[in-house]
Amino acid sequence: MTTGFDILRRPLITEKTAYLSSKLNQYAFAVPVEVTRSQVKDAVEKAFDVKVLKVNTINVIAKMNRRGRSRRLAIRKSAYKKAIVTVRPEDRIPVFEGVEQ
């Protein structure tokens, strides 16, 4: 059972998540596969002192990637869960804003 800050593994920062955070007040995190939406909500509210309105979760499946000249070496990328968290319009998470706390 994961508790506290173990739930939020890392923020997902891409062009799409930058748009989501600036325009729609949504932030994306990689979380363990076994956590629930309510656990993600509690972890984000505790870690960043914001009010979470909604949590969407997406299971990202494992993928195979080939490396090397002959492309025979296959490497498996592990599966993870992505959580997209919607916060109030007046709340911000500084990790995505490029501002240190």
PDB file of N, CA and C in Angstrom:
ATOM      1  N   MET A   1       0.847  -1.189   0.000  1.00  0.00           N
ATOM      2  CA  MET A   1       0.000   0.000   0.000  1.00  0.00           C
ATOM      3  C   MET A   1       0.882   1.239   0.000  1.00  0.00           C
ATOM      4  N   THR A   2       0.686   2.102  -0.949  1.00  0.00           N
ATOM      5  CA  THR A   2       1.467   3.324  -1.036  1.00  0.00           C
ATOM      6  C   THR A   2       0.735   4.437  -0.310  1.00  0.00           C
ATOM      7  N   THR A   3       1.496   5.262   0.395  1.00  0.00           N
ATOM      8  CA  THR A   3       0.896   6.370   1.135  1.00  0.00           C
ATOM      9  C   THR A   3       1.726   7.629   0.926  1.00  0.00           C
ATOM     10  N   GLY A   4       1.098   8.764   1.157  1.00  0.00           N
ATOM     11  CA  GLY A   4       1.801  10.047   1.155  1.00  0.00           C
ATOM     12  C   GLY A   4       2.421  10.411  -0.167  1.00  0.00           C
ATOM     13  N   PHE A   5       3.693  10.772  -0.113  1.00  0.00           N
ATOM     14  CA  PHE A   5       4.379  11.278  -1.295  1.00  0.00           C
ATOM     15  C   PHE A   5       4.876  10.163  -2.210  1.00  0.00           C
ATOM     16  N   ASP A   6       4.707   8.897  -1.826  1.00  0.00           N
ATOM     17  CA  ASP A   6       5.070   7.792  -2.710  1.00  0.00           C
ATOM     18  C   ASP A   6       4.108   7.677  -3.889  1.00  0.00           C
ATOM     19  N   ILE A   7       2.949   8.276  -3.776  1.00  0.00           N
ATOM     20  CA  ILE A   7       1.936   8.174  -4.825  1.00  0.00           C
ATOM     21  C   ILE A   7       2.339   8.979  -6.056  1.00  0.00           C
ATOM     22  N   LEU A   8       2.849  10.174  -5.876  1.00  0.00           N
ATOM     23  CA  LEU A   8       3.244  11.030  -7.003  1.00  0.00           C
ATOM     24  C   LEU A   8       4.692  10.729  -7.357  1.00  0.00           C
ATOM     25  N   ARG A   9       4.896   9.902  -8.372  1.00  0.00           N
ATOM     26  CA  ARG A   9       6.266   9.515  -8.741  1.00  0.00           C
ATOM     27  C   ARG A   9       7.024  10.659  -9.396  1.00  0.00           C
ATOM     28  N   ARG A  10       6.397  11.283 -10.405  1.00  0.00           N
ATOM     29  CA  ARG A  10       7.053  12.406 -11.088  1.00  0.00           C
ATOM     30  C   ARG A  10       6.010  13.174 -11.883  1.00  0.00           C
ATOM     31  N   PRO A  11       6.238  14.457 -12.097  1.00  0.00           N
ATOM     32  CA  PRO A  11       5.338  15.208 -12.979  1.00  0.00           C
ATOM     33  C   PRO A  11       5.657  14.871 -14.436  1.00  0.00           C
ATOM     34  N   LEU A  12       4.647  14.841 -15.256  1.00  0.00           N
ATOM     35  CA  LEU A  12       4.838  14.601 -16.686  1.00  0.00           C
ATOM     36  C   LEU A  12       4.799  15.951 -17.389  1.00  0.00           C
ATOM     37  N   ILE A  13       5.945  16.365 -17.921  1.00  0.00           N
ATOM     38  CA  ILE A  13       6.052  17.677 -18.548  1.00  0.00           C
ATOM     39  C   ILE A  13       6.339  17.483 -20.031  1.00  0.00           C
ATOM     40  N   THR A  14       5.326  17.745 -20.846  1.00  0.00           N
ATOM     41  CA  THR A  14       5.427  17.674 -22.297  1.00  0.00           C
ATOM     42  C   THR A  14       4.751  18.919 -22.873  1.00  0.00           C
ATOM     43  N   GLU A  15       4.728  19.026 -24.186  1.00  0.00           N
ATOM     44  CA  GLU A  15       4.039  20.155 -24.801  1.00  0.00           C
ATOM     45  C   GLU A  15       2.545  20.115 -24.504  1.00  0.00           C
ATOM     46  N   LYS A  16       1.984  18.919 -24.520  1.00  0.00           N
ATOM     47  CA  LYS A  16       0.553  18.784 -24.258  1.00  0.00           C
ATOM     48  C   LYS A  16       0.228  19.141 -22.811  1.00  0.00           C
ATOM     49  N   THR A  17       1.028  18.674 -21.852  1.00  0.00           N
ATOM     50  CA  THR A  17       0.744  18.986 -20.452  1.00  0.00           C
ATOM     51  C   THR A  17       1.014  20.453 -20.148  1.00  0.00           C
ATOM     52  N   ALA A  18       1.922  21.088 -20.881  1.00  0.00           N
ATOM     53  CA  ALA A  18       2.137  22.527 -20.710  1.00  0.00           C
ATOM     54  C   ALA A  18       0.895  23.300 -21.142  1.00  0.00           C
ATOM     55  N   TYR A  19       0.259  22.863 -22.219  1.00  0.00           N
ATOM     56  CA  TYR A  19      -0.989  23.479 -22.653  1.00  0.00           C
ATOM     57  C   TYR A  19      -2.093  23.240 -21.625  1.00  0.00           C
ATOM     58  N   LEU A  20      -2.199  22.005 -21.133  1.00  0.00           N
ATOM     59  CA  LEU A  20      -3.229  21.680 -20.152  1.00  0.00           C
ATOM     60  C   LEU A  20      -3.081  22.525 -18.886  1.00  0.00           C
ATOM     61  N   SER A  21      -1.845  22.717 -18.440  1.00  0.00           N
ATOM     62  CA  SER A  21      -1.647  23.470 -17.207  1.00  0.00           C
ATOM     63  C   SER A  21      -1.908  24.961 -17.404  1.00  0.00           C
ATOM     64  N   SER A  22      -1.551  25.504 -18.558  1.00  0.00           N
ATOM     65  CA  SER A  22      -1.727  26.940 -18.759  1.00  0.00           C
ATOM     66  C   SER A  22      -3.170  27.325 -19.095  1.00  0.00           C
ATOM     67  N   LYS A  23      -3.857  26.526 -19.864  1.00  0.00           N
ATOM     68  CA  LYS A  23      -5.198  26.891 -20.322  1.00  0.00           C
ATOM     69  C   LYS A  23      -6.330  26.239 -19.536  1.00  0.00           C
ATOM     70  N   LEU A  24      -6.151  24.988 -19.087  1.00  0.00           N
ATOM     71  CA  LEU A  24      -7.254  24.225 -18.504  1.00  0.00           C
ATOM     72  C   LEU A  24      -7.074  23.908 -17.019  1.00  0.00           C
ATOM     73  N   ASN A  25      -5.985  24.375 -16.405  1.00  0.00           N
ATOM     74  CA  ASN A  25      -5.693  24.107 -14.995  1.00  0.00           C
ATOM     75  C   ASN A  25      -5.629  22.614 -14.692  1.00  0.00           C
ATOM     76  N   GLN A  26      -5.028  21.840 -15.610  1.00  0.00           N
ATOM     77  CA  GLN A  26      -4.868  20.408 -15.429  1.00  0.00           C
ATOM     78  C   GLN A  26      -3.384  20.077 -15.397  1.00  0.00           C
ATOM     79  N   TYR A  27      -3.015  19.175 -14.491  1.00  0.00           N
ATOM     80  CA  TYR A  27      -1.618  18.783 -14.311  1.00  0.00           C
ATOM     81  C   TYR A  27      -1.522  17.269 -14.374  1.00  0.00           C
ATOM     82  N   ALA A  28      -0.468  16.742 -15.001  1.00  0.00           N
ATOM     83  CA  ALA A  28      -0.313  15.305 -15.194  1.00  0.00           C
ATOM     84  C   ALA A  28       0.837  14.776 -14.346  1.00  0.00           C
ATOM     85  N   PHE A  29       0.603  13.619 -13.721  1.00  0.00           N
ATOM     86  CA  PHE A  29       1.602  12.954 -12.896  1.00  0.00           C
ATOM     87  C   PHE A  29       1.657  11.481 -13.259  1.00  0.00           C
ATOM     88  N   ALA A  30       2.841  10.886 -13.154  1.00  0.00           N
ATOM     89  CA  ALA A  30       2.975   9.436 -13.242  1.00  0.00           C
ATOM     90  C   ALA A  30       2.788   8.894 -11.835  1.00  0.00           C
ATOM     91  N   VAL A  31       1.912   7.910 -11.701  1.00  0.00           N
ATOM     92  CA  VAL A  31       1.590   7.335 -10.399  1.00  0.00           C
ATOM     93  C   VAL A  31       1.680   5.812 -10.501  1.00  0.00           C
ATOM     94  N   PRO A  32       1.793   5.100  -9.367  1.00  0.00           N
ATOM     95  CA  PRO A  32       1.791   3.630  -9.411  1.00  0.00           C
ATOM     96  C   PRO A  32       0.461   3.090  -9.954  1.00  0.00           C
ATOM     97  N   VAL A  33       0.517   1.901 -10.513  1.00  0.00           N
ATOM     98  CA  VAL A  33      -0.648   1.316 -11.159  1.00  0.00           C
ATOM     99  C   VAL A  33      -1.760   1.010 -10.157  1.00  0.00           C
ATOM    100  N   GLU A  34      -1.416   0.708  -8.917  1.00  0.00           N
ATOM    101  CA  GLU A  34      -2.419   0.246  -7.960  1.00  0.00           C
ATOM    102  C   GLU A  34      -3.145   1.359  -7.203  1.00  0.00           C
ATOM    103  N   VAL A  35      -2.792   2.618  -7.390  1.00  0.00           N
ATOM    104  CA  VAL A  35      -3.434   3.685  -6.620  1.00  0.00           C
ATOM    105  C   VAL A  35      -4.786   4.052  -7.221  1.00  0.00           C
ATOM    106  N   THR A  36      -5.647   4.635  -6.389  1.00  0.00           N
ATOM    107  CA  THR A  36      -6.986   5.035  -6.810  1.00  0.00           C
ATOM    108  C   THR A  36      -7.041   6.547  -7.008  1.00  0.00           C
ATOM    109  N   ARG A  37      -8.148   7.004  -7.550  1.00  0.00           N
ATOM    110  CA  ARG A  37      -8.324   8.438  -7.787  1.00  0.00           C
ATOM    111  C   ARG A  37      -8.347   9.226  -6.479  1.00  0.00           C
ATOM    112  N   SER A  38      -9.001   8.691  -5.478  1.00  0.00           N
ATOM    113  CA  SER A  38      -9.078   9.403  -4.198  1.00  0.00           C
ATOM    114  C   SER A  38      -7.707   9.506  -3.539  1.00  0.00           C
ATOM    115  N   GLN A  39      -6.854   8.485  -3.694  1.00  0.00           N
ATOM    116  CA  GLN A  39      -5.502   8.566  -3.151  1.00  0.00           C
ATOM    117  C   GLN A  39      -4.684   9.625  -3.877  1.00  0.00           C
ATOM    118  N   VAL A  40      -4.841   9.725  -5.192  1.00  0.00           N
ATOM    119  CA  VAL A  40      -4.131  10.753  -5.968  1.00  0.00           C
ATOM    120  C   VAL A  40      -4.605  12.132  -5.544  1.00  0.00           C
ATOM    121  N   LYS A  41      -5.911  12.296  -5.374  1.00  0.00           N
ATOM    122  CA  LYS A  41      -6.467  13.587  -4.960  1.00  0.00           C
ATOM    123  C   LYS A  41      -5.904  14.013  -3.611  1.00  0.00           C
ATOM    124  N   ASP A  42      -5.901  13.116  -2.637  1.00  0.00           N
ATOM    125  CA  ASP A  42      -5.375  13.437  -1.309  1.00  0.00           C
ATOM    126  C   ASP A  42      -3.892  13.774  -1.359  1.00  0.00           C
ATOM    127  N   ALA A  43      -3.117  13.044  -2.169  1.00  0.00           N
ATOM    128  CA  ALA A  43      -1.673  13.282  -2.261  1.00  0.00           C
ATOM    129  C   ALA A  43      -1.368  14.641  -2.880  1.00  0.00           C
ATOM    130  N   VAL A  44      -2.097  15.023  -3.932  1.00  0.00           N
ATOM    131  CA  VAL A  44      -1.863  16.320  -4.590  1.00  0.00           C
ATOM    132  C   VAL A  44      -2.269  17.462  -3.665  1.00  0.00           C
ATOM    133  N   GLU A  45      -3.405  17.323  -2.991  1.00  0.00           N
ATOM    134  CA  GLU A  45      -3.837  18.380  -2.071  1.00  0.00           C
ATOM    135  C   GLU A  45      -2.862  18.548  -0.918  1.00  0.00           C
ATOM    136  N   LYS A  46      -2.308  17.457  -0.427  1.00  0.00           N
ATOM    137  CA  LYS A  46      -1.358  17.527   0.678  1.00  0.00           C
ATOM    138  C   LYS A  46      -0.007  18.078   0.221  1.00  0.00           C
ATOM    139  N   ALA A  47       0.459  17.655  -0.943  1.00  0.00           N
ATOM    140  CA  ALA A  47       1.794  18.038  -1.404  1.00  0.00           C
ATOM    141  C   ALA A  47       1.869  19.490  -1.874  1.00  0.00           C
ATOM    142  N   PHE A  48       0.833  19.984  -2.549  1.00  0.00           N
ATOM    143  CA  PHE A  48       0.913  21.294  -3.185  1.00  0.00           C
ATOM    144  C   PHE A  48      -0.050  22.326  -2.613  1.00  0.00           C
ATOM    145  N   ASP A  49      -0.848  21.960  -1.628  1.00  0.00           N
ATOM    146  CA  ASP A  49      -1.775  22.875  -0.960  1.00  0.00           C
ATOM    147  C   ASP A  49      -2.724  23.537  -1.967  1.00  0.00           C
ATOM    148  N   VAL A  50      -3.387  22.700  -2.778  1.00  0.00           N
ATOM    149  CA  VAL A  50      -4.369  23.158  -3.754  1.00  0.00           C
ATOM    150  C   VAL A  50      -5.663  22.376  -3.546  1.00  0.00           C
ATOM    151  N   LYS A  51      -6.742  22.853  -4.141  1.00  0.00           N
ATOM    152  CA  LYS A  51      -8.027  22.163  -4.086  1.00  0.00           C
ATOM    153  C   LYS A  51      -8.241  21.435  -5.410  1.00  0.00           C
ATOM    154  N   VAL A  52      -8.331  20.105  -5.357  1.00  0.00           N
ATOM    155  CA  VAL A  52      -8.501  19.288  -6.555  1.00  0.00           C
ATOM    156  C   VAL A  52      -9.991  19.153  -6.858  1.00  0.00           C
ATOM    157  N   LEU A  53     -10.371  19.457  -8.104  1.00  0.00           N
ATOM    158  CA  LEU A  53     -11.761  19.343  -8.522  1.00  0.00           C
ATOM    159  C   LEU A  53     -12.067  17.984  -9.130  1.00  0.00           C
ATOM    160  N   LYS A  54     -11.112  17.435  -9.914  1.00  0.00           N
ATOM    161  CA  LYS A  54     -11.369  16.193 -10.635  1.00  0.00           C
ATOM    162  C   LYS A  54     -10.046  15.479 -10.904  1.00  0.00           C
ATOM    163  N   VAL A  55     -10.098  14.144 -10.937  1.00  0.00           N
ATOM    164  CA  VAL A  55      -8.925  13.330 -11.256  1.00  0.00           C
ATOM    165  C   VAL A  55      -9.313  12.331 -12.339  1.00  0.00           C
ATOM    166  N   ASN A  56      -8.590  12.330 -13.442  1.00  0.00           N
ATOM    167  CA  ASN A  56      -8.743  11.330 -14.498  1.00  0.00           C
ATOM    168  C   ASN A  56      -7.502  10.454 -14.494  1.00  0.00           C
ATOM    169  N   THR A  57      -7.683   9.139 -14.641  1.00  0.00           N
ATOM    170  CA  THR A  57      -6.544   8.232 -14.681  1.00  0.00           C
ATOM    171  C   THR A  57      -6.524   7.481 -16.001  1.00  0.00           C
ATOM    172  N   ILE A  58      -5.316   7.208 -16.480  1.00  0.00           N
ATOM    173  CA  ILE A  58      -5.107   6.508 -17.744  1.00  0.00           C
ATOM    174  C   ILE A  58      -4.025   5.465 -17.516  1.00  0.00           C
ATOM    175  N   ASN A  59      -4.305   4.209 -17.864  1.00  0.00           N
ATOM    176  CA  ASN A  59      -3.296   3.160 -17.794  1.00  0.00           C
ATOM    177  C   ASN A  59      -2.491   3.173 -19.083  1.00  0.00           C
ATOM    178  N   VAL A  60      -1.187   3.439 -18.969  1.00  0.00           N
ATOM    179  CA  VAL A  60      -0.298   3.456 -20.127  1.00  0.00           C
ATOM    180  C   VAL A  60       0.341   2.078 -20.209  1.00  0.00           C
ATOM    181  N   ILE A  61       0.119   1.378 -21.312  1.00  0.00           N
ATOM    182  CA  ILE A  61       0.571  -0.004 -21.434  1.00  0.00           C
ATOM    183  C   ILE A  61       2.074  -0.077 -21.676  1.00  0.00           C
ATOM    184  N   ALA A  62       2.649  -1.239 -21.382  1.00  0.00           N
ATOM    185  CA  ALA A  62       4.076  -1.469 -21.632  1.00  0.00           C
ATOM    186  C   ALA A  62       4.320  -1.570 -23.135  1.00  0.00           C
ATOM    187  N   LYS A  63       5.459  -1.069 -23.575  1.00  0.00           N
ATOM    188  CA  LYS A  63       5.780  -1.083 -25.000  1.00  0.00           C
ATOM    189  C   LYS A  63       7.171  -1.666 -25.211  1.00  0.00           C
ATOM    190  N   MET A  64       7.362  -2.258 -26.369  1.00  0.00           N
ATOM    191  CA  MET A  64       8.669  -2.794 -26.739  1.00  0.00           C
ATOM    192  C   MET A  64       9.415  -1.752 -27.560  1.00  0.00           C
ATOM    193  N   ASN A  65      10.710  -1.655 -27.322  1.00  0.00           N
ATOM    194  CA  ASN A  65      11.555  -0.723 -28.045  1.00  0.00           C
ATOM    195  C   ASN A  65      12.784  -1.482 -28.511  1.00  0.00           C
ATOM    196  N   ARG A  66      13.199  -1.296 -29.741  1.00  0.00           N
ATOM    197  CA  ARG A  66      14.351  -2.009 -30.270  1.00  0.00           C
ATOM    198  C   ARG A  66      15.557  -1.088 -30.300  1.00  0.00           C
ATOM    199  N   ARG A  67      16.703  -1.649 -29.929  1.00  0.00           N
ATOM    200  CA  ARG A  67      17.940  -0.864 -29.889  1.00  0.00           C
ATOM    201  C   ARG A  67      19.048  -1.623 -30.614  1.00  0.00           C
ATOM    202  N   GLY A  68      20.038  -0.888 -31.077  1.00  0.00           N
ATOM    203  CA  GLY A  68      21.208  -1.501 -31.690  1.00  0.00           C
ATOM    204  C   GLY A  68      21.176  -1.428 -33.196  1.00  0.00           C
ATOM    205  N   ARG A  69      22.318  -1.777 -33.801  1.00  0.00           N
ATOM    206  CA  ARG A  69      22.429  -1.713 -35.259  1.00  0.00           C
ATOM    207  C   ARG A  69      21.537  -2.718 -35.947  1.00  0.00           C
ATOM    208  N   SER A  70      21.512  -3.920 -35.420  1.00  0.00           N
ATOM    209  CA  SER A  70      20.731  -4.956 -36.082  1.00  0.00           C
ATOM    210  C   SER A  70      19.282  -4.969 -35.602  1.00  0.00           C
ATOM    211  N   ARG A  71      18.967  -4.145 -34.629  1.00  0.00           N
ATOM    212  CA  ARG A  71      17.612  -4.025 -34.089  1.00  0.00           C
ATOM    213  C   ARG A  71      17.127  -5.337 -33.470  1.00  0.00           C
ATOM    214  N   ARG A  72      18.065  -6.171 -33.009  1.00  0.00           N
ATOM    215  CA  ARG A  72      17.679  -7.438 -32.398  1.00  0.00           C
ATOM    216  C   ARG A  72      17.508  -7.329 -30.892  1.00  0.00           C
ATOM    217  N   LEU A  73      18.080  -6.321 -30.296  1.00  0.00           N
ATOM    218  CA  LEU A  73      17.988  -6.162 -28.852  1.00  0.00           C
ATOM    219  C   LEU A  73      16.683  -5.444 -28.518  1.00  0.00           C
ATOM    220  N   ALA A  74      15.755  -6.174 -27.945  1.00  0.00           N
ATOM    221  CA  ALA A  74      14.448  -5.611 -27.610  1.00  0.00           C
ATOM    222  C   ALA A  74      14.425  -5.246 -26.131  1.00  0.00           C
ATOM    223  N   ILE A  75      13.984  -4.043 -25.835  1.00  0.00           N
ATOM    224  CA  ILE A  75      13.884  -3.557 -24.469  1.00  0.00           C
ATOM    225  C   ILE A  75      12.424  -3.244 -24.197  1.00  0.00           C
ATOM    226  N   ARG A  76      11.945  -3.679 -23.032  1.00  0.00           N
ATOM    227  CA  ARG A  76      10.550  -3.464 -22.676  1.00  0.00           C
ATOM    228  C   ARG A  76      10.440  -2.261 -21.753  1.00  0.00           C
ATOM    229  N   LYS A  77       9.639  -1.270 -22.143  1.00  0.00           N
ATOM    230  CA  LYS A  77       9.343  -0.135 -21.277  1.00  0.00           C
ATOM    231  C   LYS A  77       8.209  -0.543 -20.349  1.00  0.00           C
ATOM    232  N   SER A  78       8.330  -0.227 -19.076  1.00  0.00           N
ATOM    233  CA  SER A  78       7.337  -0.685 -18.113  1.00  0.00           C
ATOM    234  C   SER A  78       6.039   0.120 -18.217  1.00  0.00           C
ATOM    235  N   ALA A  79       4.961  -0.508 -17.770  1.00  0.00           N
ATOM    236  CA  ALA A  79       3.657   0.136 -17.755  1.00  0.00           C
ATOM    237  C   ALA A  79       3.551   1.045 -16.537  1.00  0.00           C
ATOM    238  N   TYR A  80       2.748   2.075 -16.651  1.00  0.00           N
ATOM    239  CA  TYR A  80       2.509   2.971 -15.529  1.00  0.00           C
ATOM    240  C   TYR A  80       1.123   3.573 -15.676  1.00  0.00           C
ATOM    241  N   LYS A  81       0.711   4.304 -14.672  1.00  0.00           N
ATOM    242  CA  LYS A  81      -0.576   4.974 -14.706  1.00  0.00           C
ATOM    243  C   LYS A  81      -0.335   6.473 -14.734  1.00  0.00           C
ATOM    244  N   LYS A  82      -1.104   7.167 -15.560  1.00  0.00           N
ATOM    245  CA  LYS A  82      -1.021   8.618 -15.669  1.00  0.00           C
ATOM    246  C   LYS A  82      -2.262   9.210 -15.006  1.00  0.00           C
ATOM    247  N   ALA A  83      -2.055  10.186 -14.139  1.00  0.00           N
ATOM    248  CA  ALA A  83      -3.168  10.861 -13.484  1.00  0.00           C
ATOM    249  C   ALA A  83      -3.197  12.312 -13.939  1.00  0.00           C
ATOM    250  N   ILE A  84      -4.330  12.750 -14.468  1.00  0.00           N
ATOM    251  CA  ILE A  84      -4.511  14.141 -14.873  1.00  0.00           C
ATOM    252  C   ILE A  84      -5.430  14.787 -13.840  1.00  0.00           C
ATOM    253  N   VAL A  85      -4.889  15.773 -13.132  1.00  0.00           N
ATOM    254  CA  VAL A  85      -5.563  16.389 -11.999  1.00  0.00           C
ATOM    255  C   VAL A  85      -6.025  17.785 -12.389  1.00  0.00           C
ATOM    256  N   THR A  86      -7.310  18.080 -12.188  1.00  0.00           N
ATOM    257  CA  THR A  86      -7.866  19.409 -12.445  1.00  0.00           C
ATOM    258  C   THR A  86      -7.992  20.147 -11.124  1.00  0.00           C
ATOM    259  N   VAL A  87      -7.432  21.355 -11.059  1.00  0.00           N
ATOM    260  CA  VAL A  87      -7.487  22.174  -9.846  1.00  0.00           C
ATOM    261  C   VAL A  87      -8.325  23.417 -10.108  1.00  0.00           C
ATOM    262  N   ARG A  88      -8.625  24.158  -9.039  1.00  0.00           N
ATOM    263  CA  ARG A  88      -9.388  25.400  -9.187  1.00  0.00           C
ATOM    264  C   ARG A  88      -8.620  26.394 -10.055  1.00  0.00           C
ATOM    265  N   PRO A  89      -9.321  27.296 -10.740  1.00  0.00           N
ATOM    266  CA  PRO A  89      -8.632  28.264 -11.612  1.00  0.00           C
ATOM    267  C   PRO A  89      -7.645  29.169 -10.874  1.00  0.00           C
ATOM    268  N   GLU A  90      -7.878  29.460  -9.605  1.00  0.00           N
ATOM    269  CA  GLU A  90      -6.958  30.338  -8.878  1.00  0.00           C
ATOM    270  C   GLU A  90      -5.763  29.599  -8.292  1.00  0.00           C
ATOM    271  N   ASP A  91      -5.762  28.266  -8.309  1.00  0.00           N
ATOM    272  CA  ASP A  91      -4.648  27.477  -7.782  1.00  0.00           C
ATOM    273  C   ASP A  91      -3.649  27.153  -8.880  1.00  0.00           C
ATOM    274  N   ARG A  92      -2.387  27.083  -8.501  1.00  0.00           N
ATOM    275  CA  ARG A  92      -1.303  26.723  -9.420  1.00  0.00           C
ATOM    276  C   ARG A  92      -0.368  25.752  -8.722  1.00  0.00           C
ATOM    277  N   ILE A  93       0.276  24.882  -9.509  1.00  0.00           N
ATOM    278  CA  ILE A  93       1.308  23.989  -8.988  1.00  0.00           C
ATOM    279  C   ILE A  93       2.628  24.480  -9.550  1.00  0.00           C
ATOM    280  N   PRO A  94       3.542  24.935  -8.694  1.00  0.00           N
ATOM    281  CA  PRO A  94       4.762  25.592  -9.175  1.00  0.00           C
ATOM    282  C   PRO A  94       5.721  24.689  -9.943  1.00  0.00           C
ATOM    283  N   VAL A  95       5.621  23.384  -9.806  1.00  0.00           N
ATOM    284  CA  VAL A  95       6.514  22.467 -10.533  1.00  0.00           C
ATOM    285  C   VAL A  95       6.331  22.635 -12.034  1.00  0.00           C
ATOM    286  N   PHE A  96       5.109  22.877 -12.461  1.00  0.00           N
ATOM    287  CA  PHE A  96       4.804  23.009 -13.883  1.00  0.00           C
ATOM    288  C   PHE A  96       5.002  24.435 -14.385  1.00  0.00           C
ATOM    289  N   GLU A  97       5.082  25.391 -13.491  1.00  0.00           N
ATOM    290  CA  GLU A  97       5.225  26.787 -13.874  1.00  0.00           C
ATOM    291  C   GLU A  97       6.683  27.202 -14.063  1.00  0.00           C
ATOM    292  N   GLY A  98       7.623  26.346 -13.661  1.00  0.00           N
ATOM    293  CA  GLY A  98       9.020  26.674 -13.763  1.00  0.00           C
ATOM    294  C   GLY A  98       9.505  27.549 -12.618  1.00  0.00           C
ATOM    295  N   VAL A  99       8.730  27.637 -11.556  1.00  0.00           N
ATOM    296  CA  VAL A  99       9.075  28.450 -10.396  1.00  0.00           C
ATOM    297  C   VAL A  99       9.339  27.514  -9.232  1.00  0.00           C
ATOM    298  N   GLU A 100      10.469  27.709  -8.554  1.00  0.00           N
ATOM    299  CA  GLU A 100      10.787  26.869  -7.409  1.00  0.00           C
ATOM    300  C   GLU A 100      10.046  27.357  -6.187  1.00  0.00           C
ATOM    301  N   GLN A 101       9.764  26.422  -5.288  1.00  0.00           N
ATOM    302  CA  GLN A 101       9.069  26.779  -4.063  1.00  0.00           C
ATOM    303  C   GLN A 101      10.028  27.329  -3.053  1.00  0.00           C
TER     304      GLN A 101
END
